[in-house]
Amino acid sequence: MDSQNNTLPESDEDILVTLDMDDGTKVECEILTIFDVKGQDYIALLPTEGEGADEETVYIYRYFEDEDGNPSLENIESDEEYEAVEERFDELLDEAEFEEA
């Protein structure tokens, strides 16, 4: 199986992203991974504090970079697309658990 996992390099410091939520709050998240599904990149983010961190919530968005390398996130609009992305993310989690064992 060809895995197009674009995991960011590990470093001493986690790479953090701040999300602006619909209700006006801000959520600081750690980047778990960037991965490909059918030619589209997606990013998985784990909240580092607050309610989502307590519940082990993961936010997944479409991920783009412009020609200058500036990142951009976009919501996943369809249930079908979300299900495919969720399935691939679950596979990546299973692979990571297998490698750690």
C-alpha atoms as a PDB file:
ATOM      1  CA  MET A   1       0.000   0.000   0.000  1.00  0.00           C
ATOM      2  CA  ASP A   2       1.391   3.416  -0.940  1.00  0.00           C
ATOM      3  CA  SER A   3       1.199   5.680   2.093  1.00  0.00           C
ATOM      4  CA  GLN A   4       1.279   9.363   1.274  1.00  0.00           C
ATOM      5  CA  ASN A   5       1.791  10.430   4.895  1.00  0.00           C
ATOM      6  CA  ASN A   6       3.400  13.856   5.063  1.00  0.00           C
ATOM      7  CA  THR A   7       4.078  13.858   8.796  1.00  0.00           C
ATOM      8  CA  LEU A   8       5.910  16.960   9.878  1.00  0.00           C
ATOM      9  CA  PRO A   9       9.411  16.409  11.258  1.00  0.00           C
ATOM     10  CA  GLU A  10       9.653  15.881  14.984  1.00  0.00           C
ATOM     11  CA  SER A  11      11.436  18.585  16.920  1.00  0.00           C
ATOM     12  CA  ASP A  12      11.980  19.592  20.519  1.00  0.00           C
ATOM     13  CA  GLU A  13       8.989  21.901  20.271  1.00  0.00           C
ATOM     14  CA  ASP A  14       5.544  20.977  19.008  1.00  0.00           C
ATOM     15  CA  ILE A  15       4.233  23.029  16.106  1.00  0.00           C
ATOM     16  CA  LEU A  16       1.101  24.856  17.281  1.00  0.00           C
ATOM     17  CA  VAL A  17      -1.782  26.361  15.324  1.00  0.00           C
ATOM     18  CA  THR A  18      -4.493  28.663  16.679  1.00  0.00           C
ATOM     19  CA  LEU A  19      -7.986  28.021  15.302  1.00  0.00           C
ATOM     20  CA  ASP A  20     -10.665  30.732  15.305  1.00  0.00           C
ATOM     21  CA  MET A  21     -13.899  28.884  16.074  1.00  0.00           C
ATOM     22  CA  ASP A  22     -17.389  29.887  14.842  1.00  0.00           C
ATOM     23  CA  ASP A  23     -18.381  31.055  18.351  1.00  0.00           C
ATOM     24  CA  GLY A  24     -15.468  33.520  18.452  1.00  0.00           C
ATOM     25  CA  THR A  25     -13.243  31.479  20.739  1.00  0.00           C
ATOM     26  CA  LYS A  26      -9.672  30.548  19.893  1.00  0.00           C
ATOM     27  CA  VAL A  27      -8.327  27.013  20.302  1.00  0.00           C
ATOM     28  CA  GLU A  28      -4.614  26.273  20.337  1.00  0.00           C
ATOM     29  CA  CYS A  29      -3.820  22.936  18.671  1.00  0.00           C
ATOM     30  CA  GLU A  30      -0.807  20.740  18.058  1.00  0.00           C
ATOM     31  CA  ILE A  31      -0.328  19.465  14.500  1.00  0.00           C
ATOM     32  CA  LEU A  32      -0.570  15.666  14.570  1.00  0.00           C
ATOM     33  CA  THR A  33      -0.001  15.019  10.877  1.00  0.00           C
ATOM     34  CA  ILE A  34      -0.643  16.152   7.331  1.00  0.00           C
ATOM     35  CA  PHE A  35      -1.833  13.363   5.046  1.00  0.00           C
ATOM     36  CA  ASP A  36      -3.195  12.800   1.548  1.00  0.00           C
ATOM     37  CA  VAL A  37      -6.552  11.380   0.471  1.00  0.00           C
ATOM     38  CA  LYS A  38      -7.221  11.171  -3.287  1.00  0.00           C
ATOM     39  CA  GLY A  39      -4.761  13.950  -4.130  1.00  0.00           C
ATOM     40  CA  GLN A  40      -5.994  16.396  -1.465  1.00  0.00           C
ATOM     41  CA  ASP A  41      -3.957  17.177   1.661  1.00  0.00           C
ATOM     42  CA  TYR A  42      -5.615  17.172   5.071  1.00  0.00           C
ATOM     43  CA  ILE A  43      -4.336  18.233   8.478  1.00  0.00           C
ATOM     44  CA  ALA A  44      -5.178  16.666  11.843  1.00  0.00           C
ATOM     45  CA  LEU A  45      -5.034  18.985  14.848  1.00  0.00           C
ATOM     46  CA  LEU A  46      -5.202  18.085  18.561  1.00  0.00           C
ATOM     47  CA  PRO A  47      -6.340  20.796  21.031  1.00  0.00           C
ATOM     48  CA  THR A  48      -3.696  21.412  23.703  1.00  0.00           C
ATOM     49  CA  GLU A  49      -5.999  22.975  26.290  1.00  0.00           C
ATOM     50  CA  GLY A  50      -9.663  23.462  27.123  1.00  0.00           C
ATOM     51  CA  GLU A  51     -12.682  21.265  26.566  1.00  0.00           C
ATOM     52  CA  GLY A  52     -11.492  19.564  23.370  1.00  0.00           C
ATOM     53  CA  ALA A  53      -8.190  18.516  24.948  1.00  0.00           C
ATOM     54  CA  ASP A  54     -10.043  16.796  27.791  1.00  0.00           C
ATOM     55  CA  GLU A  55     -12.157  14.815  25.336  1.00  0.00           C
ATOM     56  CA  GLU A  56      -9.249  13.914  23.028  1.00  0.00           C
ATOM     57  CA  THR A  57     -10.967  15.737  20.172  1.00  0.00           C
ATOM     58  CA  VAL A  58      -9.177  15.860  16.812  1.00  0.00           C
ATOM     59  CA  TYR A  59      -9.991  18.546  14.248  1.00  0.00           C
ATOM     60  CA  ILE A  60      -9.444  17.621  10.597  1.00  0.00           C
ATOM     61  CA  TYR A  61      -9.406  20.205   7.786  1.00  0.00           C
ATOM     62  CA  ARG A  62      -8.434  20.409   4.131  1.00  0.00           C
ATOM     63  CA  TYR A  63      -4.906  21.778   3.991  1.00  0.00           C
ATOM     64  CA  PHE A  64      -3.410  24.010   1.291  1.00  0.00           C
ATOM     65  CA  GLU A  65      -0.239  26.011   0.834  1.00  0.00           C
ATOM     66  CA  ASP A  66       0.000  28.969  -1.526  1.00  0.00           C
ATOM     67  CA  GLU A  67       2.956  29.506  -3.857  1.00  0.00           C
ATOM     68  CA  ASP A  68       4.853  31.199  -0.992  1.00  0.00           C
ATOM     69  CA  GLY A  69       4.290  28.241   1.345  1.00  0.00           C
ATOM     70  CA  ASN A  70       1.682  29.994   3.505  1.00  0.00           C
ATOM     71  CA  PRO A  71      -0.752  27.447   4.988  1.00  0.00           C
ATOM     72  CA  SER A  72      -4.520  27.655   4.670  1.00  0.00           C
ATOM     73  CA  LEU A  73      -7.291  25.487   6.157  1.00  0.00           C
ATOM     74  CA  GLU A  74     -10.738  24.798   4.730  1.00  0.00           C
ATOM     75  CA  ASN A  75     -13.712  22.955   6.194  1.00  0.00           C
ATOM     76  CA  ILE A  76     -14.672  19.553   4.814  1.00  0.00           C
ATOM     77  CA  GLU A  77     -18.142  20.102   3.383  1.00  0.00           C
ATOM     78  CA  SER A  78     -19.521  16.686   2.413  1.00  0.00           C
ATOM     79  CA  ASP A  79     -20.202  13.635   4.594  1.00  0.00           C
ATOM     80  CA  GLU A  80     -18.721  11.385   1.904  1.00  0.00           C
ATOM     81  CA  GLU A  81     -15.425  13.296   1.866  1.00  0.00           C
ATOM     82  CA  TYR A  82     -15.304  13.398   5.668  1.00  0.00           C
ATOM     83  CA  GLU A  83     -15.876   9.643   5.942  1.00  0.00           C
ATOM     84  CA  ALA A  84     -13.020   8.918   3.491  1.00  0.00           C
ATOM     85  CA  VAL A  85     -10.695  11.259   5.376  1.00  0.00           C
ATOM     86  CA  GLU A  86     -11.702   9.841   8.760  1.00  0.00           C
ATOM     87  CA  GLU A  87     -11.084   6.293   7.507  1.00  0.00           C
ATOM     88  CA  ARG A  88      -7.585   7.224   6.274  1.00  0.00           C
ATOM     89  CA  PHE A  89      -6.777   9.002   9.547  1.00  0.00           C
ATOM     90  CA  ASP A  90      -7.868   5.907  11.500  1.00  0.00           C
ATOM     91  CA  GLU A  91      -5.544   3.802   9.292  1.00  0.00           C
ATOM     92  CA  LEU A  92      -2.663   6.161  10.112  1.00  0.00           C
ATOM     93  CA  LEU A  93      -3.404   5.824  13.836  1.00  0.00           C
ATOM     94  CA  ASP A  94      -3.432   2.027  13.530  1.00  0.00           C
ATOM     95  CA  GLU A  95      -0.105   2.109  11.655  1.00  0.00           C
ATOM     96  CA  ALA A  96       1.439   4.357  14.330  1.00  0.00           C
ATOM     97  CA  GLU A  97       0.256   2.018  17.116  1.00  0.00           C
ATOM     98  CA  PHE A  98       1.646  -0.979  15.224  1.00  0.00           C
ATOM     99  CA  GLU A  99       5.036   0.698  14.800  1.00  0.00           C
ATOM    100  CA  GLU A 100       5.200   1.564  18.524  1.00  0.00           C
ATOM    101  CA  ALA A 101       4.449  -2.035  19.579  1.00  0.00           C
END
